[in-house]
PDB file of all heavy atoms in Angstrom:
ATOM      1  N   PHE A   1       9.594   1.085  -1.840  1.00  0.00           N
ATOM      2  CA  PHE A   1       8.438   0.494  -1.172  1.00  0.00           C
ATOM      3  C   PHE A   1       7.346   1.500  -0.940  1.00  0.00           C
ATOM      4  O   PHE A   1       6.121   1.176  -0.999  1.00  0.00           O
ATOM      5  CB  PHE A   1       8.866  -0.108   0.190  1.00  0.00           C
ATOM      6  CG  PHE A   1       9.272  -1.557   0.082  1.00  0.00           C
ATOM      7  CD1 PHE A   1      10.548  -1.966  -0.297  1.00  0.00           C
ATOM      8  CD2 PHE A   1       8.342  -2.533   0.362  1.00  0.00           C
ATOM      9  CE1 PHE A   1      10.930  -3.272  -0.373  1.00  0.00           C
ATOM     10  CE2 PHE A   1       8.666  -3.888   0.241  1.00  0.00           C
ATOM     11  CZ  PHE A   1       9.943  -4.264  -0.129  1.00  0.00           C
ATOM     12  N   PHE A   2       7.689   2.756  -0.674  1.00  0.00           N
ATOM     13  CA  PHE A   2       6.735   3.805  -0.511  1.00  0.00           C
ATOM     14  C   PHE A   2       5.946   4.071  -1.819  1.00  0.00           C
ATOM     15  O   PHE A   2       4.738   4.254  -1.811  1.00  0.00           O
ATOM     16  CB  PHE A   2       7.365   5.072   0.001  1.00  0.00           C
ATOM     17  CG  PHE A   2       6.423   6.172   0.393  1.00  0.00           C
ATOM     18  CD1 PHE A   2       5.370   5.920   1.248  1.00  0.00           C
ATOM     19  CD2 PHE A   2       6.606   7.484  -0.106  1.00  0.00           C
ATOM     20  CE1 PHE A   2       4.507   6.933   1.596  1.00  0.00           C
ATOM     21  CE2 PHE A   2       5.748   8.468   0.272  1.00  0.00           C
ATOM     22  CZ  PHE A   2       4.670   8.223   1.169  1.00  0.00           C
ATOM     23  N   ILE A   3       6.671   4.033  -2.926  1.00  0.00           N
ATOM     24  CA  ILE A   3       6.011   4.197  -4.230  1.00  0.00           C
ATOM     25  C   ILE A   3       5.013   3.071  -4.526  1.00  0.00           C
ATOM     26  O   ILE A   3       3.941   3.290  -4.956  1.00  0.00           O
ATOM     27  CB  ILE A   3       7.078   4.279  -5.350  1.00  0.00           C
ATOM     28  CG1 ILE A   3       7.870   5.596  -5.248  1.00  0.00           C
ATOM     29  CG2 ILE A   3       6.406   4.173  -6.741  1.00  0.00           C
ATOM     30  CD1 ILE A   3       9.066   5.699  -6.166  1.00  0.00           C
ATOM     31  N   ILE A   4       5.481   1.814  -4.176  1.00  0.00           N
ATOM     32  CA  ILE A   4       4.555   0.664  -4.339  1.00  0.00           C
ATOM     33  C   ILE A   4       3.342   0.820  -3.474  1.00  0.00           C
ATOM     34  O   ILE A   4       2.217   0.548  -3.904  1.00  0.00           O
ATOM     35  CB  ILE A   4       5.300  -0.623  -3.992  1.00  0.00           C
ATOM     36  CG1 ILE A   4       6.433  -0.894  -5.030  1.00  0.00           C
ATOM     37  CG2 ILE A   4       4.377  -1.851  -3.951  1.00  0.00           C
ATOM     38  CD1 ILE A   4       7.425  -2.003  -4.641  1.00  0.00           C
ATOM     39  N   ALA A   5       3.553   1.265  -2.225  1.00  0.00           N
ATOM     40  CA  ALA A   5       2.403   1.472  -1.322  1.00  0.00           C
ATOM     41  C   ALA A   5       1.464   2.480  -1.871  1.00  0.00           C
ATOM     42  O   ALA A   5       0.240   2.328  -1.814  1.00  0.00           O
ATOM     43  CB  ALA A   5       2.945   1.886   0.052  1.00  0.00           C
ATOM     44  N   LEU A   6       1.986   3.612  -2.410  1.00  0.00           N
ATOM     45  CA  LEU A   6       1.132   4.648  -2.998  1.00  0.00           C
ATOM     46  C   LEU A   6       0.313   4.085  -4.190  1.00  0.00           C
ATOM     47  O   LEU A   6      -0.840   4.487  -4.343  1.00  0.00           O
ATOM     48  CB  LEU A   6       1.983   5.814  -3.427  1.00  0.00           C
ATOM     49  CG  LEU A   6       2.487   6.754  -2.337  1.00  0.00           C
ATOM     50  CD1 LEU A   6       3.464   7.783  -2.920  1.00  0.00           C
ATOM     51  CD2 LEU A   6       1.338   7.479  -1.631  1.00  0.00           C
ATOM     52  N   LEU A   7       0.938   3.227  -4.986  1.00  0.00           N
ATOM     53  CA  LEU A   7       0.223   2.620  -6.083  1.00  0.00           C
ATOM     54  C   LEU A   7      -0.956   1.796  -5.592  1.00  0.00           C
ATOM     55  O   LEU A   7      -2.060   1.865  -6.150  1.00  0.00           O
ATOM     56  CB  LEU A   7       1.160   1.791  -6.941  1.00  0.00           C
ATOM     57  CG  LEU A   7       2.155   2.542  -7.824  1.00  0.00           C
ATOM     58  CD1 LEU A   7       3.122   1.607  -8.515  1.00  0.00           C
ATOM     59  CD2 LEU A   7       1.380   3.300  -8.910  1.00  0.00           C
ATOM     60  N   PHE A   8      -0.713   1.021  -4.536  1.00  0.00           N
ATOM     61  CA  PHE A   8      -1.825   0.214  -3.963  1.00  0.00           C
ATOM     62  C   PHE A   8      -2.951   1.136  -3.483  1.00  0.00           C
ATOM     63  O   PHE A   8      -4.122   0.839  -3.625  1.00  0.00           O
ATOM     64  CB  PHE A   8      -1.310  -0.639  -2.787  1.00  0.00           C
ATOM     65  CG  PHE A   8      -0.552  -1.857  -3.191  1.00  0.00           C
ATOM     66  CD1 PHE A   8       0.609  -2.221  -2.548  1.00  0.00           C
ATOM     67  CD2 PHE A   8      -0.964  -2.647  -4.259  1.00  0.00           C
ATOM     68  CE1 PHE A   8       1.330  -3.380  -2.894  1.00  0.00           C
ATOM     69  CE2 PHE A   8      -0.257  -3.788  -4.609  1.00  0.00           C
ATOM     70  CZ  PHE A   8       0.877  -4.148  -3.973  1.00  0.00           C
ATOM     71  N   ARG A   9      -2.559   2.245  -2.854  1.00  0.00           N
ATOM     72  CA  ARG A   9      -3.544   3.204  -2.369  1.00  0.00           C
ATOM     73  C   ARG A   9      -4.423   3.753  -3.497  1.00  0.00           C
ATOM     74  O   ARG A   9      -5.630   3.856  -3.380  1.00  0.00           O
ATOM     75  CB  ARG A   9      -2.879   4.320  -1.588  1.00  0.00           C
ATOM     76  CG  ARG A   9      -3.845   5.288  -0.902  1.00  0.00           C
ATOM     77  CD  ARG A   9      -3.102   6.453  -0.302  1.00  0.00           C
ATOM     78  NE  ARG A   9      -3.986   7.242   0.560  1.00  0.00           N
ATOM     79  CZ  ARG A   9      -4.829   8.142   0.090  1.00  0.00           C
ATOM     80  NH1 ARG A   9      -4.949   8.358  -1.210  1.00  0.00           N
ATOM     81  NH2 ARG A   9      -5.600   8.840   0.946  1.00  0.00           N
ATOM     82  N   GLN A  10      -3.774   4.157  -4.598  1.00  0.00           N
ATOM     83  CA  GLN A  10      -4.474   4.815  -5.637  1.00  0.00           C
ATOM     84  C   GLN A  10      -5.251   3.868  -6.548  1.00  0.00           C
ATOM     85  O   GLN A  10      -6.303   4.201  -7.053  1.00  0.00           O
ATOM     86  CB  GLN A  10      -3.523   5.635  -6.485  1.00  0.00           C
ATOM     87  CG  GLN A  10      -2.860   6.795  -5.714  1.00  0.00           C
ATOM     88  CD  GLN A  10      -3.888   7.631  -4.958  1.00  0.00           C
ATOM     89  OE1 GLN A  10      -4.084   7.448  -3.750  1.00  0.00           O
ATOM     90  NE2 GLN A  10      -4.543   8.525  -5.684  1.00  0.00           N
ATOM     91  N   LEU A  11      -4.721   2.661  -6.716  1.00  0.00           N
ATOM     92  CA  LEU A  11      -5.426   1.674  -7.529  1.00  0.00           C
ATOM     93  C   LEU A  11      -6.757   1.315  -6.925  1.00  0.00           C
ATOM     94  O   LEU A  11      -7.739   0.982  -7.607  1.00  0.00           O
ATOM     95  CB  LEU A  11      -4.597   0.438  -7.752  1.00  0.00           C
ATOM     96  CG  LEU A  11      -3.382   0.564  -8.675  1.00  0.00           C
ATOM     97  CD1 LEU A  11      -2.531  -0.708  -8.684  1.00  0.00           C
ATOM     98  CD2 LEU A  11      -3.804   0.870 -10.077  1.00  0.00           C
ATOM     99  N   ASP A  12      -6.838   1.422  -5.560  1.00  0.00           N
ATOM    100  CA  ASP A  12      -8.107   1.101  -4.871  1.00  0.00           C
ATOM    101  C   ASP A  12      -9.184   2.049  -5.349  1.00  0.00           C
ATOM    102  O   ASP A  12     -10.375   1.685  -5.385  1.00  0.00           O
ATOM    103  CB  ASP A  12      -7.841   1.285  -3.377  1.00  0.00           C
ATOM    104  CG  ASP A  12      -9.118   0.939  -2.558  1.00  0.00           C
ATOM    105  OD1 ASP A  12      -9.298  -0.245  -2.251  1.00  0.00           O
ATOM    106  OD2 ASP A  12      -9.885   1.852  -2.220  1.00  0.00           O
ATOM    107  N   LEU A  13      -8.820   3.277  -5.690  1.00  0.00           N
ATOM    108  CA  LEU A  13      -9.852   4.263  -6.059  1.00  0.00           C
ATOM    109  C   LEU A  13     -10.297   4.077  -7.513  1.00  0.00           C
ATOM    110  O   LEU A  13     -11.345   4.614  -7.886  1.00  0.00           O
ATOM    111  CB  LEU A  13      -9.247   5.702  -5.898  1.00  0.00           C
ATOM    112  CG  LEU A  13      -8.759   6.042  -4.523  1.00  0.00           C
ATOM    113  CD1 LEU A  13      -8.112   7.386  -4.513  1.00  0.00           C
ATOM    114  CD2 LEU A  13      -9.909   6.007  -3.477  1.00  0.00           C
ATOM    115  N   ILE A  14      -9.582   3.384  -8.370  1.00  0.00           N
ATOM    116  CA  ILE A  14      -9.933   3.322  -9.779  1.00  0.00           C
ATOM    117  C   ILE A  14     -10.199   1.931 -10.316  1.00  0.00           C
ATOM    118  O   ILE A  14     -10.667   1.773 -11.413  1.00  0.00           O
ATOM    119  CB  ILE A  14      -8.824   4.014 -10.644  1.00  0.00           C
ATOM    120  CG1 ILE A  14      -7.476   3.343 -10.435  1.00  0.00           C
ATOM    121  CG2 ILE A  14      -8.704   5.506 -10.321  1.00  0.00           C
ATOM    122  CD1 ILE A  14      -6.350   3.911 -11.343  1.00  0.00           C
ATOM    123  N   TRP A  15      -9.904   0.873  -9.501  1.00  0.00           N
ATOM    124  CA  TRP A  15     -10.067  -0.481  -9.928  1.00  0.00           C
ATOM    125  C   TRP A  15     -11.163  -1.277  -9.188  1.00  0.00           C
ATOM    126  O   TRP A  15     -11.088  -2.486  -9.047  1.00  0.00           O
ATOM    127  CB  TRP A  15      -8.732  -1.240  -9.829  1.00  0.00           C
ATOM    128  CG  TRP A  15      -7.825  -0.997 -11.001  1.00  0.00           C
ATOM    129  CD1 TRP A  15      -7.963  -0.108 -11.985  1.00  0.00           C
ATOM    130  CD2 TRP A  15      -6.611  -1.706 -11.284  1.00  0.00           C
ATOM    131  NE1 TRP A  15      -6.942  -0.155 -12.876  1.00  0.00           N
ATOM    132  CE2 TRP A  15      -6.072  -1.135 -12.458  1.00  0.00           C
ATOM    133  CE3 TRP A  15      -5.890  -2.701 -10.617  1.00  0.00           C
ATOM    134  CZ2 TRP A  15      -4.878  -1.550 -13.021  1.00  0.00           C
ATOM    135  CZ3 TRP A  15      -4.711  -3.157 -11.191  1.00  0.00           C
ATOM    136  CH2 TRP A  15      -4.181  -2.600 -12.351  1.00  0.00           C
ATOM    137  N   CYS A  16     -12.158  -0.561  -8.664  1.00  0.00           N
ATOM    138  CA  CYS A  16     -13.163  -1.226  -7.888  1.00  0.00           C
ATOM    139  C   CYS A  16     -13.921  -2.322  -8.675  1.00  0.00           C
ATOM    140  O   CYS A  16     -14.275  -3.338  -8.109  1.00  0.00           O
ATOM    141  CB  CYS A  16     -14.186  -0.219  -7.378  1.00  0.00           C
ATOM    142  SG  CYS A  16     -13.570   0.768  -5.979  1.00  0.00           S
ATOM    143  N   LYS A  17     -14.152  -2.071  -9.960  1.00  0.00           N
ATOM    144  CA  LYS A  17     -14.843  -3.086 -10.772  1.00  0.00           C
ATOM    145  C   LYS A  17     -14.017  -4.333 -10.970  1.00  0.00           C
ATOM    146  O   LYS A  17     -14.521  -5.433 -10.955  1.00  0.00           O
ATOM    147  CB  LYS A  17     -15.227  -2.495 -12.114  1.00  0.00           C
ATOM    148  CG  LYS A  17     -16.362  -1.445 -12.043  1.00  0.00           C
ATOM    149  CD  LYS A  17     -16.719  -0.935 -13.432  1.00  0.00           C
ATOM    150  CE  LYS A  17     -17.857   0.065 -13.331  1.00  0.00           C
ATOM    151  NZ  LYS A  17     -18.258   0.617 -14.625  1.00  0.00           N
ATOM    152  N   GLN A  18     -12.700  -4.147 -11.136  1.00  0.00           N
ATOM    153  CA  GLN A  18     -11.807  -5.278 -11.340  1.00  0.00           C
ATOM    154  C   GLN A  18     -11.494  -5.997 -10.038  1.00  0.00           C
ATOM    155  O   GLN A  18     -11.404  -7.219 -10.025  1.00  0.00           O
ATOM    156  CB  GLN A  18     -10.472  -4.786 -11.996  1.00  0.00           C
ATOM    157  CG  GLN A  18     -10.624  -4.279 -13.419  1.00  0.00           C
ATOM    158  CD  GLN A  18     -11.040  -2.788 -13.475  1.00  0.00           C
ATOM    159  OE1 GLN A  18     -11.420  -2.180 -12.445  1.00  0.00           O
ATOM    160  NE2 GLN A  18     -10.955  -2.191 -14.667  1.00  0.00           N
ATOM    161  N   ILE A  19     -11.341  -5.251  -8.958  1.00  0.00           N
ATOM    162  CA  ILE A  19     -11.020  -5.838  -7.660  1.00  0.00           C
ATOM    163  C   ILE A  19     -12.019  -5.253  -6.638  1.00  0.00           C
ATOM    164  O   ILE A  19     -11.749  -4.241  -5.967  1.00  0.00           O
ATOM    165  CB  ILE A  19      -9.568  -5.498  -7.178  1.00  0.00           C
ATOM    166  CG1 ILE A  19      -8.599  -5.803  -8.339  1.00  0.00           C
ATOM    167  CG2 ILE A  19      -9.199  -6.275  -5.948  1.00  0.00           C
ATOM    168  CD1 ILE A  19      -7.177  -5.344  -8.059  1.00  0.00           C
ATOM    169  N   PRO A  20     -13.155  -5.925  -6.438  1.00  0.00           N
ATOM    170  CA  PRO A  20     -14.239  -5.356  -5.623  1.00  0.00           C
ATOM    171  C   PRO A  20     -13.838  -5.046  -4.193  1.00  0.00           C
ATOM    172  O   PRO A  20     -14.341  -4.033  -3.632  1.00  0.00           O
ATOM    173  CB  PRO A  20     -15.315  -6.481  -5.651  1.00  0.00           C
ATOM    174  CG  PRO A  20     -15.046  -7.251  -6.911  1.00  0.00           C
ATOM    175  CD  PRO A  20     -13.540  -7.226  -7.068  1.00  0.00           C
ATOM    176  N   PHE A  21     -12.952  -5.846  -3.536  1.00  0.00           N
ATOM    177  CA  PHE A  21     -12.549  -5.559  -2.179  1.00  0.00           C
ATOM    178  C   PHE A  21     -11.409  -4.586  -2.112  1.00  0.00           C
ATOM    179  O   PHE A  21     -10.969  -4.181  -1.037  1.00  0.00           O
ATOM    180  CB  PHE A  21     -12.209  -6.856  -1.465  1.00  0.00           C
ATOM    181  CG  PHE A  21     -11.182  -7.706  -2.217  1.00  0.00           C
ATOM    182  CD1 PHE A  21      -9.852  -7.503  -2.113  1.00  0.00           C
ATOM    183  CD2 PHE A  21     -11.637  -8.778  -2.983  1.00  0.00           C
ATOM    184  CE1 PHE A  21      -8.943  -8.259  -2.774  1.00  0.00           C
ATOM    185  CE2 PHE A  21     -10.713  -9.545  -3.676  1.00  0.00           C
ATOM    186  CZ  PHE A  21      -9.357  -9.291  -3.591  1.00  0.00           C
ATOM    187  N   GLY A  22     -10.909  -4.152  -3.264  1.00  0.00           N
ATOM    188  CA  GLY A  22      -9.899  -3.082  -3.314  1.00  0.00           C
ATOM    189  C   GLY A  22      -8.472  -3.479  -2.992  1.00  0.00           C
ATOM    190  O   GLY A  22      -8.189  -4.643  -2.713  1.00  0.00           O
ATOM    191  N   THR A  23      -7.593  -2.515  -2.994  1.00  0.00           N
ATOM    192  CA  THR A  23      -6.175  -2.712  -2.746  1.00  0.00           C
ATOM    193  C   THR A  23      -5.682  -1.827  -1.580  1.00  0.00           C
ATOM    194  O   THR A  23      -4.472  -1.811  -1.311  1.00  0.00           O
ATOM    195  CB  THR A  23      -5.317  -2.427  -3.977  1.00  0.00           C
ATOM    196  OG1 THR A  23      -5.547  -1.096  -4.402  1.00  0.00           O
ATOM    197  CG2 THR A  23      -5.658  -3.373  -5.108  1.00  0.00           C
ATOM    198  N   HIS A  24      -6.577  -1.125  -0.927  1.00  0.00           N
ATOM    199  CA  HIS A  24      -6.170  -0.187   0.119  1.00  0.00           C
ATOM    200  C   HIS A  24      -5.487  -0.909   1.287  1.00  0.00           C
ATOM    201  O   HIS A  24      -4.595  -0.387   1.903  1.00  0.00           O
ATOM    202  CB  HIS A  24      -7.346   0.627   0.581  1.00  0.00           C
ATOM    203  CG  HIS A  24      -6.920   1.833   1.440  1.00  0.00           C
ATOM    204  ND1 HIS A  24      -6.609   3.019   0.897  1.00  0.00           N
ATOM    205  CD2 HIS A  24      -6.848   1.965   2.783  1.00  0.00           C
ATOM    206  CE1 HIS A  24      -6.229   3.895   1.881  1.00  0.00           C
ATOM    207  NE2 HIS A  24      -6.388   3.281   3.039  1.00  0.00           N
ATOM    208  N   PHE A  25      -5.996  -2.123   1.566  1.00  0.00           N
ATOM    209  CA  PHE A  25      -5.351  -2.890   2.697  1.00  0.00           C
ATOM    210  C   PHE A  25      -3.929  -3.194   2.411  1.00  0.00           C
ATOM    211  O   PHE A  25      -3.092  -3.348   3.330  1.00  0.00           O
ATOM    212  CB  PHE A  25      -6.187  -4.171   2.962  1.00  0.00           C
ATOM    213  CG  PHE A  25      -6.042  -5.264   1.899  1.00  0.00           C
ATOM    214  CD1 PHE A  25      -5.141  -6.290   2.145  1.00  0.00           C
ATOM    215  CD2 PHE A  25      -6.730  -5.186   0.748  1.00  0.00           C
ATOM    216  CE1 PHE A  25      -4.997  -7.312   1.165  1.00  0.00           C
ATOM    217  CE2 PHE A  25      -6.607  -6.203  -0.192  1.00  0.00           C
ATOM    218  CZ  PHE A  25      -5.686  -7.234  -0.005  1.00  0.00           C
ATOM    219  N   LEU A  26      -3.543  -3.297   1.130  1.00  0.00           N
ATOM    220  CA  LEU A  26      -2.153  -3.568   0.758  1.00  0.00           C
ATOM    221  C   LEU A  26      -1.294  -2.293   0.989  1.00  0.00           C
ATOM    222  O   LEU A  26      -0.099  -2.421   1.235  1.00  0.00           O
ATOM    223  CB  LEU A  26      -2.051  -3.995  -0.734  1.00  0.00           C
ATOM    224  CG  LEU A  26      -2.682  -5.392  -1.010  1.00  0.00           C
ATOM    225  CD1 LEU A  26      -2.698  -5.605  -2.537  1.00  0.00           C
ATOM    226  CD2 LEU A  26      -1.951  -6.493  -0.274  1.00  0.00           C
ATOM    227  N   TRP A  27      -1.913  -1.114   0.878  1.00  0.00           N
ATOM    228  CA  TRP A  27      -1.226   0.124   1.247  1.00  0.00           C
ATOM    229  C   TRP A  27      -0.825   0.087   2.705  1.00  0.00           C
ATOM    230  O   TRP A  27       0.236   0.452   3.057  1.00  0.00           O
ATOM    231  CB  TRP A  27      -2.154   1.300   0.941  1.00  0.00           C
ATOM    232  CG  TRP A  27      -2.104   2.521   1.755  1.00  0.00           C
ATOM    233  CD1 TRP A  27      -2.945   2.875   2.764  1.00  0.00           C
ATOM    234  CD2 TRP A  27      -1.190   3.639   1.614  1.00  0.00           C
ATOM    235  NE1 TRP A  27      -2.596   4.116   3.272  1.00  0.00           N
ATOM    236  CE2 TRP A  27      -1.534   4.626   2.584  1.00  0.00           C
ATOM    237  CE3 TRP A  27      -0.097   3.884   0.759  1.00  0.00           C
ATOM    238  CZ2 TRP A  27      -0.865   5.819   2.687  1.00  0.00           C
ATOM    239  CZ3 TRP A  27       0.596   5.100   0.910  1.00  0.00           C
ATOM    240  CH2 TRP A  27       0.201   6.051   1.857  1.00  0.00           C
ATOM    241  N   HIS A  28      -1.760  -0.425   3.569  1.00  0.00           N
ATOM    242  CA  HIS A  28      -1.428  -0.513   4.983  1.00  0.00           C
ATOM    243  C   HIS A  28      -0.322  -1.517   5.206  1.00  0.00           C
ATOM    244  O   HIS A  28       0.643  -1.203   5.980  1.00  0.00           O
ATOM    245  CB  HIS A  28      -2.690  -1.032   5.766  1.00  0.00           C
ATOM    246  CG  HIS A  28      -3.813  -0.042   5.770  1.00  0.00           C
ATOM    247  ND1 HIS A  28      -5.105  -0.382   6.009  1.00  0.00           N
ATOM    248  CD2 HIS A  28      -3.807   1.319   5.578  1.00  0.00           C
ATOM    249  CE1 HIS A  28      -5.855   0.662   5.945  1.00  0.00           C
ATOM    250  NE2 HIS A  28      -5.139   1.734   5.706  1.00  0.00           N
ATOM    251  N   ILE A  29      -0.365  -2.646   4.612  1.00  0.00           N
ATOM    252  CA  ILE A  29       0.639  -3.705   4.839  1.00  0.00           C
ATOM    253  C   ILE A  29       2.025  -3.254   4.353  1.00  0.00           C
ATOM    254  O   ILE A  29       2.997  -3.369   5.083  1.00  0.00           O
ATOM    255  CB  ILE A  29       0.219  -5.030   4.159  1.00  0.00           C
ATOM    256  CG1 ILE A  29      -1.044  -5.592   4.842  1.00  0.00           C
ATOM    257  CG2 ILE A  29       1.352  -6.046   4.172  1.00  0.00           C
ATOM    258  CD1 ILE A  29      -1.700  -6.752   4.113  1.00  0.00           C
ATOM    259  N   THR A  30       2.058  -2.704   3.135  1.00  0.00           N
ATOM    260  CA  THR A  30       3.325  -2.255   2.589  1.00  0.00           C
ATOM    261  C   THR A  30       3.907  -1.130   3.375  1.00  0.00           C
ATOM    262  O   THR A  30       5.133  -1.059   3.640  1.00  0.00           O
ATOM    263  CB  THR A  30       3.121  -1.827   1.095  1.00  0.00           C
ATOM    264  OG1 THR A  30       2.431  -2.797   0.365  1.00  0.00           O
ATOM    265  CG2 THR A  30       4.528  -1.601   0.424  1.00  0.00           C
ATOM    266  N   ASN A  31       3.054  -0.199   3.796  1.00  0.00           N
ATOM    267  CA  ASN A  31       3.540   0.939   4.612  1.00  0.00           C
ATOM    268  C   ASN A  31       4.038   0.507   5.969  1.00  0.00           C
ATOM    269  O   ASN A  31       5.021   1.086   6.482  1.00  0.00           O
ATOM    270  CB  ASN A  31       2.395   1.940   4.775  1.00  0.00           C
ATOM    271  CG  ASN A  31       2.614   3.181   3.946  1.00  0.00           C
ATOM    272  OD1 ASN A  31       3.670   3.399   3.371  1.00  0.00           O
ATOM    273  ND2 ASN A  31       1.584   4.042   3.854  1.00  0.00           N
ATOM    274  N   SER A  32       3.402  -0.482   6.547  1.00  0.00           N
ATOM    275  CA  SER A  32       3.883  -0.944   7.895  1.00  0.00           C
ATOM    276  C   SER A  32       5.247  -1.560   7.807  1.00  0.00           C
ATOM    277  O   SER A  32       6.134  -1.361   8.663  1.00  0.00           O
ATOM    278  CB  SER A  32       2.831  -1.904   8.527  1.00  0.00           C
ATOM    279  OG  SER A  32       2.754  -3.101   7.682  1.00  0.00           O
ATOM    280  N   ILE A  33       5.465  -2.344   6.740  1.00  0.00           N
ATOM    281  CA  ILE A  33       6.822  -2.937   6.518  1.00  0.00           C
ATOM    282  C   ILE A  33       7.852  -1.842   6.249  1.00  0.00           C
ATOM    283  O   ILE A  33       8.967  -1.867   6.779  1.00  0.00           O
ATOM    284  CB  ILE A  33       6.766  -3.933   5.322  1.00  0.00           C
ATOM    285  CG1 ILE A  33       5.855  -5.103   5.721  1.00  0.00           C
ATOM    286  CG2 ILE A  33       8.157  -4.422   4.975  1.00  0.00           C
ATOM    287  CD1 ILE A  33       5.507  -6.019   4.524  1.00  0.00           C
ATOM    288  N   THR A  34       7.479  -0.871   5.446  1.00  0.00           N
ATOM    289  CA  THR A  34       8.378   0.261   5.088  1.00  0.00           C
ATOM    290  C   THR A  34       8.736   1.069   6.375  1.00  0.00           C
ATOM    291  O   THR A  34       9.905   1.381   6.602  1.00  0.00           O
ATOM    292  CB  THR A  34       7.711   1.183   4.069  1.00  0.00           C
ATOM    293  OG1 THR A  34       7.293   0.423   2.940  1.00  0.00           O
ATOM    294  CG2 THR A  34       8.678   2.266   3.607  1.00  0.00           C
ATOM    295  N   ALA A  35       7.734   1.330   7.229  1.00  0.00           N
ATOM    296  CA  ALA A  35       7.995   2.125   8.431  1.00  0.00           C
ATOM    297  C   ALA A  35       8.878   1.317   9.407  1.00  0.00           C
ATOM    298  O   ALA A  35       9.754   1.874  10.021  1.00  0.00           O
ATOM    299  CB  ALA A  35       6.635   2.420   9.117  1.00  0.00           C
ATOM    300  N   GLY A  36       8.591   0.031   9.497  1.00  0.00           N
ATOM    301  CA  GLY A  36       9.433  -0.832  10.405  1.00  0.00           C
ATOM    302  C   GLY A  36      10.920  -0.854   9.907  1.00  0.00           C
ATOM    303  O   GLY A  36      11.847  -0.748  10.699  1.00  0.00           O
ATOM    304  N   PHE A  37      11.082  -0.944   8.606  1.00  0.00           N
ATOM    305  CA  PHE A  37      12.422  -0.925   8.030  1.00  0.00           C
ATOM    306  C   PHE A  37      13.091   0.405   8.275  1.00  0.00           C
ATOM    307  O   PHE A  37      14.299   0.470   8.557  1.00  0.00           O
ATOM    308  CB  PHE A  37      12.358  -1.227   6.510  1.00  0.00           C
ATOM    309  CG  PHE A  37      13.706  -1.377   5.867  1.00  0.00           C
ATOM    310  CD1 PHE A  37      14.599  -2.297   6.224  1.00  0.00           C
ATOM    311  CD2 PHE A  37      14.033  -0.496   4.760  1.00  0.00           C
ATOM    312  CE1 PHE A  37      15.863  -2.430   5.592  1.00  0.00           C
ATOM    313  CE2 PHE A  37      15.274  -0.637   4.145  1.00  0.00           C
ATOM    314  CZ  PHE A  37      16.179  -1.580   4.557  1.00  0.00           C
ATOM    315  N   ALA A  38      12.331   1.500   8.186  1.00  0.00           N
ATOM    316  CA  ALA A  38      12.874   2.830   8.425  1.00  0.00           C
ATOM    317  C   ALA A  38      13.387   2.968   9.853  1.00  0.00           C
ATOM    318  O   ALA A  38      14.496   3.522  10.088  1.00  0.00           O
ATOM    319  CB  ALA A  38      11.785   3.883   8.160  1.00  0.00           C
ATOM    320  N   ILE A  39      12.684   2.432  10.793  1.00  0.00           N
ATOM    321  CA  ILE A  39      13.099   2.466  12.198  1.00  0.00           C
ATOM    322  C   ILE A  39      14.351   1.661  12.417  1.00  0.00           C
ATOM    323  O   ILE A  39      15.295   2.099  13.112  1.00  0.00           O
ATOM    324  CB  ILE A  39      11.961   1.941  13.138  1.00  0.00           C
ATOM    325  CG1 ILE A  39      10.754   2.900  13.086  1.00  0.00           C
ATOM    326  CG2 ILE A  39      12.464   1.783  14.551  1.00  0.00           C
ATOM    327  CD1 ILE A  39       9.479   2.344  13.745  1.00  0.00           C
ATOM    328  N   ILE A  40      14.443   0.516  11.747  1.00  0.00           N
ATOM    329  CA  ILE A  40      15.632  -0.339  11.881  1.00  0.00           C
ATOM    330  C   ILE A  40      16.871   0.366  11.322  1.00  0.00           C
ATOM    331  O   ILE A  40      17.943   0.331  11.870  1.00  0.00           O
ATOM    332  CB  ILE A  40      15.437  -1.681  11.112  1.00  0.00           C
ATOM    333  CG1 ILE A  40      14.355  -2.555  11.873  1.00  0.00           C
ATOM    334  CG2 ILE A  40      16.701  -2.453  11.001  1.00  0.00           C
ATOM    335  CD1 ILE A  40      13.880  -3.723  11.071  1.00  0.00           C
ATOM    336  N   ILE A  41      16.697   1.051  10.174  1.00  0.00           N
ATOM    337  CA  ILE A  41      17.786   1.801   9.576  1.00  0.00           C
ATOM    338  C   ILE A  41      18.354   2.863  10.481  1.00  0.00           C
ATOM    339  O   ILE A  41      19.558   2.975  10.647  1.00  0.00           O
ATOM    340  CB  ILE A  41      17.324   2.405   8.234  1.00  0.00           C
ATOM    341  CG1 ILE A  41      17.180   1.368   7.149  1.00  0.00           C
ATOM    342  CG2 ILE A  41      18.320   3.512   7.797  1.00  0.00           C
ATOM    343  CD1 ILE A  41      16.554   1.879   5.877  1.00  0.00           C
ATOM    344  N   LEU A  42      17.459   3.582  11.150  1.00  0.00           N
ATOM    345  CA  LEU A  42      17.926   4.678  12.021  1.00  0.00           C
ATOM    346  C   LEU A  42      18.634   4.089  13.235  1.00  0.00           C
ATOM    347  O   LEU A  42      19.496   4.788  13.829  1.00  0.00           O
ATOM    348  CB  LEU A  42      16.692   5.479  12.484  1.00  0.00           C
ATOM    349  CG  LEU A  42      16.060   6.384  11.423  1.00  0.00           C
ATOM    350  CD1 LEU A  42      14.893   7.123  12.086  1.00  0.00           C
ATOM    351  CD2 LEU A  42      17.060   7.383  10.883  1.00  0.00           C
TER     352      LEU A  42
END
Protein backbone atom coordinates (compact mmCIF):
# COMPACT_ATOMS: atom_id res chain seq x y z
CA PHE A 1 0.00 0.00 0.00
CA PHE A 2 2.89 2.36 0.72
CA ILE A 3 4.33 1.70 -2.75
CA ILE A 4 0.91 2.39 -4.31
CA ALA A 5 0.68 5.61 -2.29
CA LEU A 6 4.13 6.70 -3.49
CA LEU A 7 3.09 6.06 -7.09
CA PHE A 8 0.05 8.32 -6.63
CA ARG A 9 2.32 11.00 -5.16
CA GLN A 10 4.82 10.88 -8.02
CA LEU A 11 2.31 10.55 -10.87
CA ASP A 12 0.87 13.87 -9.70
CA LEU A 13 4.14 15.54 -10.67
CA ILE A 14 4.34 14.12 -14.21
CA TRP A 15 0.73 13.57 -15.39
CA CYS A 16 -0.74 17.06 -14.98
CA LYS A 17 -1.75 17.23 -18.66
CA GLN A 18 -3.50 13.86 -18.51
CA ILE A 19 -5.11 14.42 -15.07
CA PRO A 20 -5.42 18.18 -14.46
CA PHE A 21 -6.53 17.87 -10.80
CA GLY A 22 -3.69 15.43 -10.12
CA THR A 23 -3.34 12.29 -8.01
CA HIS A 24 -1.76 13.73 -4.86
CA PHE A 25 -5.05 13.52 -2.98
CA LEU A 26 -4.95 9.74 -3.56
CA TRP A 27 -1.55 9.69 -1.84
CA HIS A 28 -3.29 11.14 1.22
CA ILE A 29 -6.18 8.68 1.12
CA THR A 30 -3.99 5.59 0.55
CA ASN A 31 -1.52 6.69 3.24
CA SER A 32 -4.26 7.28 5.80
CA ILE A 33 -5.61 3.76 5.25
CA THR A 34 -2.08 2.32 5.44
CA ALA A 35 -1.33 4.21 8.67
CA GLY A 36 -4.61 3.08 10.24
CA PHE A 37 -3.86 -0.53 9.31
CA ALA A 38 -0.36 -0.17 10.81
CA ILE A 39 -1.83 0.98 14.13
CA ILE A 40 -4.28 -1.94 14.13
CA ILE A 41 -1.47 -4.43 13.50
CA LEU A 42 0.55 -3.15 16.44
